[in-house]
C-alpha cells in the first residue's frame, strides 16, 4: 500500500493526498519568503492568513495556520507589531516548532535540547520604537528602585532610632534605680515616725525603717522594696490610690514607659492583707519584671526561691510556692481570678484558693501554705495569649 502521508498527516485517498501536497508546496513557498525570526513578518503573514489571502484544502494547511497563529501570539505578548524588525542573531538561529498533537512548542537549537543556554537579547536587537519603550521602562524601574532604597533607608534609620531611644531610656531608667538602691541606708535620720490616718477615729503611728528614710522623704508614695538575689529585680515598690499612675511613671514621678513596680491599690501593708500583689511591666530590655518569666524553669526557681520584700516599716522574706500563667477574665466568667485574691475570709476560702493555684502551677515547688500565712504575688504581662499574665506566688517565711 502506497504511503499517502504529508507533513505527518496520513490521507486515505489519492485525491486528498494530492491536495495535501499542493498545500505543502504553498506552505514551502510562503516560508521561503517569510523570515520566521522577524516578528513583523510573522505578524503580517498571520494577518494575511486571517484575511483569507491563502487557501488550504487539507489539515496540512490547518496545522500551518495554527503554527503561525501561536508564533504571532507569542510575538504580540512580547510587544512586537507588524512594523517591528530585529537584527539577525550573531549566534546560531533558534528554531521553534509546535509539538504535534499537544499544541505545545518544543524549543530546539540546531537539533539540541532547548534547556541549554540561549542568547541574551540586547537593546540593538530591537527597532528604534521598541528601544525607546524599553529605555522608558528601564528608567521607570530605576526610579522605583531608588525610591524603594530610600524608603528602606528611612525605615532602617527610624528603627535604629527607635531602638536607640528605647535602650537609652532603659539604661537611664536602670541607672536611676541603681542610684536609688545606693540611697538605701544613707543619711539616716534615726527613725522617722510616720502617722497614718485611717479613719476619723483612728490614727496609727509607725516608724519608717532607717534604710528607707531618705527614699521615703523623696517620694511619699514609696511603700517598700523588692529584691531577688542574683537577678536585676532590685526596685522600689510604689503605691497610689489607683493602679494606673505607675504604669508609665518612675520613682521620680516622671513619665517613663518602663513604669515602676507598684502594689495593688487595695492592698494594705499595715493592716496586712492575706495576699499582697505587686505589678510590673514585662519589658523587652529585661527591666522591671522583664525577666520574671524565667521562673517558668523549675531549675531557675530552685536557684532563686527566696524573694525579699520589705515594706518601709518592716522586712520580709518569702519563698516561691506557685508559678503559673493566667489572664484577665471578663467579669461574668466564673473562674479563679488570682488578681482578686487579696483576703481570705475563712480557712475554707483560703484552702480553695491554694488548690486553684496548685492546679495551674507549672511545677510543684514543695512549698505549701496554711490559713494565716502571709502571701506575696508578683504579676506581669505574658504574650502567650491575649491579656495573658505570668504570676509568681510566694509565702512569707521570715
Protein backbone atom coordinates (compact mmCIF):
# COMPACT_ATOMS: atom_id res chain seq x y z
CA UNK A 1 0.00 0.00 0.00
CA UNK A 2 1.39 3.39 -1.05
CA UNK A 3 2.45 5.91 1.61
CA UNK A 4 -0.09 8.73 1.47
CA UNK A 5 1.36 10.91 4.27
CA UNK A 6 2.31 14.57 4.08
CA UNK A 7 3.85 16.61 6.95
CA UNK A 8 2.96 13.92 9.44
CA UNK A 9 -0.65 13.61 8.28
CA UNK A 10 -1.94 10.36 6.78
CA UNK A 11 -4.50 10.54 3.93
CA UNK A 12 -6.90 7.81 2.77
CA UNK A 13 -7.37 8.70 -0.89
CA UNK A 14 -5.15 9.80 -3.72
CA UNK A 15 -7.24 12.95 -4.18
CA UNK A 16 -6.73 14.02 -0.56
CA UNK A 17 -3.06 13.16 -0.80
CA UNK A 18 -2.58 15.33 -3.93
CA UNK A 19 -4.47 18.21 -2.26
CA UNK A 20 -2.17 17.91 0.74
CA UNK A 21 0.89 18.03 -1.49
CA UNK A 22 -0.40 21.26 -3.06
CA UNK A 23 -0.97 22.74 0.39
CA UNK A 24 2.59 21.78 1.39
CA UNK A 25 4.00 23.37 -1.79
CA UNK A 26 2.16 26.60 -1.00
CA UNK A 27 3.42 26.49 2.60
CA UNK A 28 7.02 25.97 1.44
CA UNK A 29 6.68 28.94 -0.94
CA UNK A 30 5.36 31.14 1.89
CA UNK A 31 8.15 30.12 4.25
CA UNK A 32 10.75 30.90 1.62
CA UNK A 33 9.52 34.50 1.57
CA UNK A 34 8.91 34.99 5.31
CA UNK A 35 11.63 35.08 7.98
CA UNK A 36 10.03 33.40 10.97
CA UNK A 37 12.56 35.09 13.30
CA UNK A 38 11.28 38.52 12.30
CA UNK A 39 8.20 39.36 14.41
CA UNK A 40 6.93 41.95 11.92
CA UNK A 41 6.95 39.49 9.03
CA UNK A 42 5.23 36.78 11.08
CA UNK A 43 2.52 39.18 12.23
CA UNK A 44 1.98 40.37 8.67
CA UNK A 45 1.71 36.77 7.48
CA UNK A 46 -0.81 35.99 10.18
CA UNK A 47 -2.87 38.96 9.06
CA UNK A 48 -2.85 37.65 5.52
CA UNK A 49 -3.82 34.15 6.62
CA UNK A 50 -6.64 35.55 8.75
CA UNK A 51 -7.96 37.65 5.87
CA UNK A 52 -8.15 34.61 3.57
CA UNK A 53 -5.35 35.56 1.21
CA UNK A 54 -4.14 31.98 1.24
CA UNK A 55 -6.46 28.99 0.85
CA UNK A 56 -5.72 25.47 2.07
CA UNK A 57 -7.77 22.36 1.43
CA UNK A 58 -6.35 19.89 3.93
CA UNK A 59 -5.25 19.52 7.54
CA UNK A 60 -1.67 20.29 6.45
CA UNK A 61 -2.75 23.86 5.80
CA UNK A 62 -4.69 23.97 9.08
CA UNK A 63 -1.60 22.84 11.01
CA UNK A 64 0.42 25.56 9.34
CA UNK A 65 -2.13 28.26 10.25
CA UNK A 66 -2.13 27.08 13.89
CA UNK A 67 1.67 27.19 13.93
CA UNK A 68 1.71 30.77 12.63
CA UNK A 69 -1.12 31.74 14.99
CA UNK A 70 0.83 30.57 18.07
CA UNK A 71 4.04 32.24 16.87
CA UNK A 72 2.20 35.51 16.16
CA UNK A 73 0.53 35.43 19.57
CA UNK A 74 3.91 34.97 21.23
CA UNK A 75 5.36 38.00 19.42
CA UNK A 76 2.31 40.09 20.33
CA UNK A 77 2.79 39.30 24.01
CA UNK A 78 6.40 40.44 23.68
CA UNK A 79 5.16 43.80 22.42
CA UNK A 80 6.01 43.46 18.75
CA UNK A 81 3.96 44.94 15.90
CA UNK A 82 3.91 44.43 12.12
CA UNK A 83 6.49 47.18 11.82
CA UNK A 84 8.93 45.56 14.24
CA UNK A 85 12.27 44.35 12.99
CA UNK A 86 15.18 42.82 14.84
CA UNK A 87 18.74 42.35 13.71
CA UNK A 88 19.85 38.83 12.78
CA UNK A 89 21.32 36.94 15.68
CA UNK A 90 25.10 36.66 15.85
CA UNK A 91 24.68 33.24 17.32
CA UNK A 92 23.12 30.16 15.80
CA UNK A 93 19.46 30.71 14.85
CA UNK A 94 16.95 29.42 17.30
CA UNK A 95 14.20 27.40 15.68
CA UNK A 96 10.78 26.75 17.09
CA UNK A 97 8.01 24.44 16.06
CA UNK A 98 4.72 23.25 17.50
CA UNK A 99 4.69 19.79 19.05
CA UNK A 100 2.12 17.84 17.07
CA UNK A 101 -0.94 16.54 18.95
CA UNK A 102 -0.26 18.57 22.14
CA UNK A 103 -0.23 22.13 20.91
CA UNK A 104 2.91 22.75 23.00
CA UNK A 105 6.05 24.13 21.37
CA UNK A 106 9.28 22.19 21.75
CA UNK A 107 12.23 24.53 21.50
CA UNK A 108 15.30 23.22 19.78
CA UNK A 109 18.57 24.82 18.79
CA UNK A 110 20.30 23.11 15.87
CA UNK A 111 18.67 19.87 16.96
CA UNK A 112 19.83 20.13 20.58
CA UNK A 113 17.53 20.48 23.61
CA UNK A 114 16.36 23.98 24.38
CA UNK A 115 17.29 23.51 28.03
CA UNK A 116 20.82 24.59 27.11
CA UNK A 117 21.95 28.19 27.19
CA UNK A 118 20.12 30.71 24.96
CA UNK A 119 21.39 34.01 23.58
CA UNK A 120 20.51 37.02 25.71
CA UNK A 121 18.72 39.76 23.81
CA UNK A 122 20.48 43.13 23.55
CA UNK A 123 18.95 46.55 23.01
CA UNK A 124 20.27 46.64 19.42
CA UNK A 125 18.13 43.60 18.59
CA UNK A 126 15.00 45.81 18.59
CA UNK A 127 13.78 48.55 16.28
CA UNK A 128 14.05 52.22 17.27
CA UNK A 129 10.49 52.48 18.58
CA UNK A 130 10.88 49.42 20.76
CA UNK A 131 14.26 50.65 22.03
CA UNK A 132 12.62 53.87 23.25
CA UNK A 133 9.88 51.91 25.02
CA UNK A 134 12.44 49.63 26.66
CA UNK A 135 14.56 52.59 27.81
CA UNK A 136 11.46 54.29 29.25
CA UNK A 137 10.57 51.17 31.22
CA UNK A 138 14.16 50.79 32.44
CA UNK A 139 14.24 54.42 33.63
CA UNK A 140 10.93 53.96 35.44
CA UNK A 141 12.19 50.79 37.11
CA UNK A 142 15.39 52.59 38.13
CA UNK A 143 13.38 55.41 39.71
CA UNK A 144 11.29 52.87 41.59
CA UNK A 145 14.43 51.06 42.73
CA UNK A 146 15.97 54.27 44.06
CA UNK A 147 12.71 55.22 45.77
CA UNK A 148 12.50 51.80 47.37
CA UNK A 149 16.10 52.05 48.59
CA UNK A 150 15.37 55.50 50.03
CA UNK A 151 12.25 54.24 51.80
CA UNK A 152 14.13 51.23 53.20
CA UNK A 153 16.88 53.55 54.41
CA UNK A 154 14.35 55.82 56.13
CA UNK A 155 12.65 52.84 57.77
CA UNK A 156 16.02 51.44 58.87
CA UNK A 157 17.05 54.79 60.38
CA UNK A 158 13.68 55.02 62.09
CA UNK A 159 14.02 51.51 63.53
CA UNK A 160 17.57 52.08 64.74
CA UNK A 161 16.49 55.42 66.14
CA UNK A 162 13.56 53.84 67.97
CA UNK A 163 15.69 51.10 69.49
CA UNK A 164 18.39 53.59 70.29
CA UNK A 165 15.94 55.80 72.19
CA UNK A 166 14.31 52.73 73.77
CA UNK A 167 17.57 51.38 75.14
CA UNK A 168 18.80 54.84 76.09
CA UNK A 169 15.80 55.34 78.34
CA UNK A 170 16.03 51.76 79.56
CA UNK A 171 19.63 52.30 80.62
CA UNK A 172 18.80 55.71 82.03
CA UNK A 173 15.97 54.11 83.99
CA UNK A 174 18.25 51.39 85.33
CA UNK A 175 20.94 53.93 86.24
CA UNK A 176 18.41 55.96 88.20
CA UNK A 177 17.24 52.88 90.08
CA UNK A 178 20.85 51.94 90.82
CA UNK A 179 21.25 55.37 92.37
CA UNK A 180 18.10 54.82 94.40
CA UNK A 181 19.46 51.48 95.62
CA UNK A 182 22.58 53.28 96.78
CA UNK A 183 20.40 55.64 98.80
CA UNK A 184 19.10 52.77 100.91
CA UNK A 185 20.61 53.18 104.35
CA UNK A 186 22.18 56.55 103.56
CA UNK A 187 21.67 59.78 105.50
CA UNK A 188 19.71 58.01 108.21
CA UNK A 189 17.63 60.32 110.39
CA UNK A 190 17.46 57.94 113.32
CA UNK A 191 13.96 56.56 112.91
CA UNK A 192 11.35 58.66 111.17
CA UNK A 193 7.91 58.46 112.77
CA UNK A 194 5.02 58.45 110.31
CA UNK A 195 1.39 58.93 111.30
CA UNK A 196 -1.08 57.15 109.05
CA UNK A 197 -4.66 58.42 109.11
CA UNK A 198 -7.13 55.57 108.62
CA UNK A 199 -10.45 56.88 109.84
CA UNK A 200 -11.75 59.91 111.71
CA UNK A 201 -11.34 57.94 114.91
CA UNK A 202 -8.14 56.08 114.23
CA UNK A 203 -4.56 57.26 113.70
CA UNK A 204 -1.64 54.82 113.67
CA UNK A 205 1.94 55.86 114.34
CA UNK A 206 4.59 53.81 112.52
CA UNK A 207 8.34 54.13 112.20
CA UNK A 208 9.97 54.03 108.77
CA UNK A 209 12.97 51.71 108.66
CA UNK A 210 16.20 53.70 108.71
CA UNK A 211 17.42 52.41 105.35
CA UNK A 212 14.29 53.73 103.62
CA UNK A 213 14.06 57.13 105.33
CA UNK A 214 15.90 59.07 102.62
CA UNK A 215 13.94 57.39 99.85
CA UNK A 216 10.64 57.98 101.64
CA UNK A 217 11.46 61.64 102.16
CA UNK A 218 11.96 61.99 98.39
CA UNK A 219 8.65 60.33 97.47
CA UNK A 220 5.91 59.57 99.99
CA UNK A 221 4.37 57.05 97.57
CA UNK A 222 7.17 54.61 98.36
CA UNK A 223 5.68 51.57 100.11
CA UNK A 224 8.56 49.11 100.02
CA UNK A 225 11.45 47.50 98.16
CA UNK A 226 11.55 44.24 96.20
CA UNK A 227 14.77 42.32 95.63
CA UNK A 228 15.61 38.88 94.28
CA UNK A 229 19.27 37.93 94.67
CA UNK A 230 21.34 37.32 91.50
CA UNK A 231 18.71 38.98 89.29
CA UNK A 232 18.08 42.50 88.02
CA UNK A 233 14.94 42.74 90.18
CA UNK A 234 16.05 45.26 92.79
CA UNK A 235 13.48 48.07 92.73
CA UNK A 236 11.42 50.34 94.94
CA UNK A 237 7.72 49.48 95.11
CA UNK A 238 5.21 52.32 94.86
CA UNK A 239 1.52 52.58 95.77
CA UNK A 240 -1.19 55.08 94.88
CA UNK A 241 -4.96 55.20 95.17
CA UNK A 242 -5.28 53.66 91.68
CA UNK A 243 -3.40 51.13 89.58
CA UNK A 244 -2.79 53.42 86.62
CA UNK A 245 -0.27 56.12 87.56
CA UNK A 246 2.81 53.97 87.96
CA UNK A 247 2.19 52.11 84.74
CA UNK A 248 4.05 54.93 83.00
CA UNK A 249 5.78 56.92 85.76
CA UNK A 250 9.01 56.27 87.60
CA UNK A 251 10.00 56.83 91.21
CA UNK A 252 10.79 60.49 90.45
CA UNK A 253 7.22 60.89 89.16
CA UNK A 254 8.48 61.47 85.62
CA UNK A 255 6.85 59.95 82.56
CA UNK A 256 8.62 56.68 81.82
CA UNK A 257 7.19 53.87 79.70
CA UNK A 258 9.13 51.39 81.84
CA UNK A 259 6.82 52.42 84.66
CA UNK A 260 7.53 51.22 88.19
CA UNK A 261 6.77 48.23 90.35
CA UNK A 262 3.64 49.05 92.33
CA UNK A 263 1.49 47.45 95.00
CA UNK A 264 -2.19 46.91 94.24
CA UNK A 265 -4.19 49.94 95.39
CA UNK A 266 -6.44 47.74 97.55
CA UNK A 267 -3.56 46.17 99.46
CA UNK A 268 -2.66 47.33 102.98
CA UNK A 269 0.82 46.68 104.38
CA UNK A 270 -0.18 47.92 107.85
CA UNK A 271 -3.44 46.06 108.40
CA UNK A 272 -1.93 43.24 106.45
CA UNK A 273 -3.93 41.50 103.68
CA UNK A 274 -3.67 37.76 103.23
CA UNK A 275 -2.05 38.39 99.83
CA UNK A 276 -0.05 41.41 98.66
CA UNK A 277 0.04 41.78 94.85
CA UNK A 278 2.86 43.66 93.11
CA UNK A 279 2.59 44.52 89.41
CA UNK A 280 5.32 45.41 86.92
CA UNK A 281 5.82 45.67 83.16
CA UNK A 282 7.40 42.83 81.21
CA UNK A 283 9.98 44.98 79.37
CA UNK A 284 11.89 43.51 76.41
CA UNK A 285 15.03 45.08 77.82
CA UNK A 286 14.61 42.90 80.90
CA UNK A 287 13.88 45.88 83.16
CA UNK A 288 11.14 45.79 85.79
CA UNK A 289 9.57 42.30 85.58
CA UNK A 290 11.10 41.61 82.15
CA UNK A 291 12.87 38.53 83.49
CA UNK A 292 10.16 37.28 85.83
CA UNK A 293 9.11 34.63 83.31
CA UNK A 294 12.44 32.89 83.89
CA UNK A 295 10.57 31.29 86.77
CA UNK A 296 8.87 29.11 84.16
CA UNK A 297 12.01 26.98 84.57
CA UNK A 298 11.90 24.81 87.68
CA UNK A 299 15.70 24.82 87.95
CA UNK A 300 15.71 28.64 87.86
CA UNK A 301 13.13 28.69 90.62
CA UNK A 302 15.24 26.42 92.82
CA UNK A 303 18.21 28.79 92.39
CA UNK A 304 16.07 31.89 93.10
CA UNK A 305 13.47 30.54 95.51
CA UNK A 306 13.80 33.38 98.05
CA UNK A 307 12.26 36.83 97.46
CA UNK A 308 12.97 39.81 99.69
CA UNK A 309 10.09 42.26 100.03
CA UNK A 310 10.45 44.92 102.69
CA UNK A 311 7.70 47.37 103.41
CA UNK A 312 9.01 50.74 104.56
CA UNK A 313 8.05 49.61 108.08
CA UNK A 314 9.34 46.03 108.29
CA UNK A 315 11.46 43.48 106.47
CA UNK A 316 10.12 40.31 104.93
CA UNK A 317 11.45 37.20 103.22
CA UNK A 318 9.27 34.96 101.06
CA UNK A 319 9.70 31.56 99.44
CA UNK A 320 8.26 30.78 96.00
CA UNK A 321 5.26 28.50 96.20
CA UNK A 322 3.37 28.61 92.86
CA UNK A 323 4.28 29.70 89.32
CA UNK A 324 1.56 29.84 86.68
CA UNK A 325 0.12 31.57 83.63
CA UNK A 326 -3.28 33.17 83.69
CA UNK A 327 -5.11 36.05 82.07
CA UNK A 328 -7.53 38.89 82.77
CA UNK A 329 -11.03 37.41 82.54
CA UNK A 330 -14.37 39.02 81.78
CA UNK A 331 -16.37 39.95 84.84
CA UNK A 332 -19.09 37.41 84.05
CA UNK A 333 -16.63 34.48 83.69
CA UNK A 334 -16.79 32.13 86.65
CA UNK A 335 -13.18 31.16 87.11
CA UNK A 336 -10.34 31.65 89.61
CA UNK A 337 -9.04 35.21 89.23
CA UNK A 338 -5.76 35.49 91.09
CA UNK A 339 -5.82 39.30 90.95
CA UNK A 340 -8.99 39.36 93.06
CA UNK A 341 -7.49 37.22 95.82
CA UNK A 342 -6.40 39.73 98.46
CA UNK A 343 -8.08 38.37 101.57
CA UNK A 344 -9.49 35.03 102.67
CA UNK A 345 -12.50 35.38 104.94
CA UNK A 346 -12.22 31.79 106.14
CA UNK A 347 -9.91 28.80 106.18
CA UNK A 348 -12.13 27.12 103.60
CA UNK A 349 -11.82 30.07 101.22
CA UNK A 350 -8.05 30.18 101.73
CA UNK A 351 -7.65 26.46 101.02
CA UNK A 352 -9.85 26.77 97.94
CA UNK A 353 -7.58 29.48 96.53
CA UNK A 354 -4.49 27.38 97.28
CA UNK A 355 -5.99 24.44 95.42
CA UNK A 356 -6.81 26.62 92.41
CA UNK A 357 -3.23 27.90 92.18
CA UNK A 358 -1.69 24.49 92.78
CA UNK A 359 -3.80 23.06 89.94
CA UNK A 360 -2.44 25.52 87.38
CA UNK A 361 1.12 25.79 88.72
CA UNK A 362 3.81 24.86 86.17
CA UNK A 363 5.55 22.62 88.68
CA UNK A 364 5.47 21.54 92.31
CA UNK A 365 7.88 23.52 94.48
CA UNK A 366 7.04 21.51 97.58
CA UNK A 367 6.11 24.72 99.42
CA UNK A 368 2.60 24.92 100.87
CA UNK A 369 0.69 27.43 102.98
CA UNK A 370 -1.98 27.25 105.68
CA UNK A 371 -4.66 29.69 106.72
CA UNK A 372 -2.98 32.62 108.49
CA UNK A 373 0.18 32.62 106.35
CA UNK A 374 1.09 35.84 104.56
CA UNK A 375 1.45 35.66 100.78
CA UNK A 376 3.15 37.77 98.11
CA UNK A 377 2.17 37.69 94.43
CA UNK A 378 4.28 39.11 91.57
CA UNK A 379 2.35 39.69 88.34
CA UNK A 380 3.44 40.75 84.85
CA UNK A 381 2.20 40.52 81.26
CA UNK A 382 2.55 37.34 79.24
CA UNK A 383 2.34 37.31 75.44
CA UNK A 384 1.35 33.65 75.14
CA UNK A 385 -2.31 34.75 74.92
CA UNK A 386 -4.47 37.87 74.80
CA UNK A 387 -4.39 39.71 78.16
CA UNK A 388 -2.10 36.96 79.42
CA UNK A 389 -0.33 37.18 82.77
CA UNK A 390 2.69 35.44 84.28
CA UNK A 391 2.43 35.02 88.03
CA UNK A 392 4.76 34.03 90.88
CA UNK A 393 3.25 33.45 94.34
CA UNK A 394 5.39 33.19 97.47
CA UNK A 395 4.83 32.57 101.19
CA UNK A 396 6.40 34.67 103.91
CA UNK A 397 8.94 32.67 105.89
CA UNK A 398 10.74 35.45 107.80
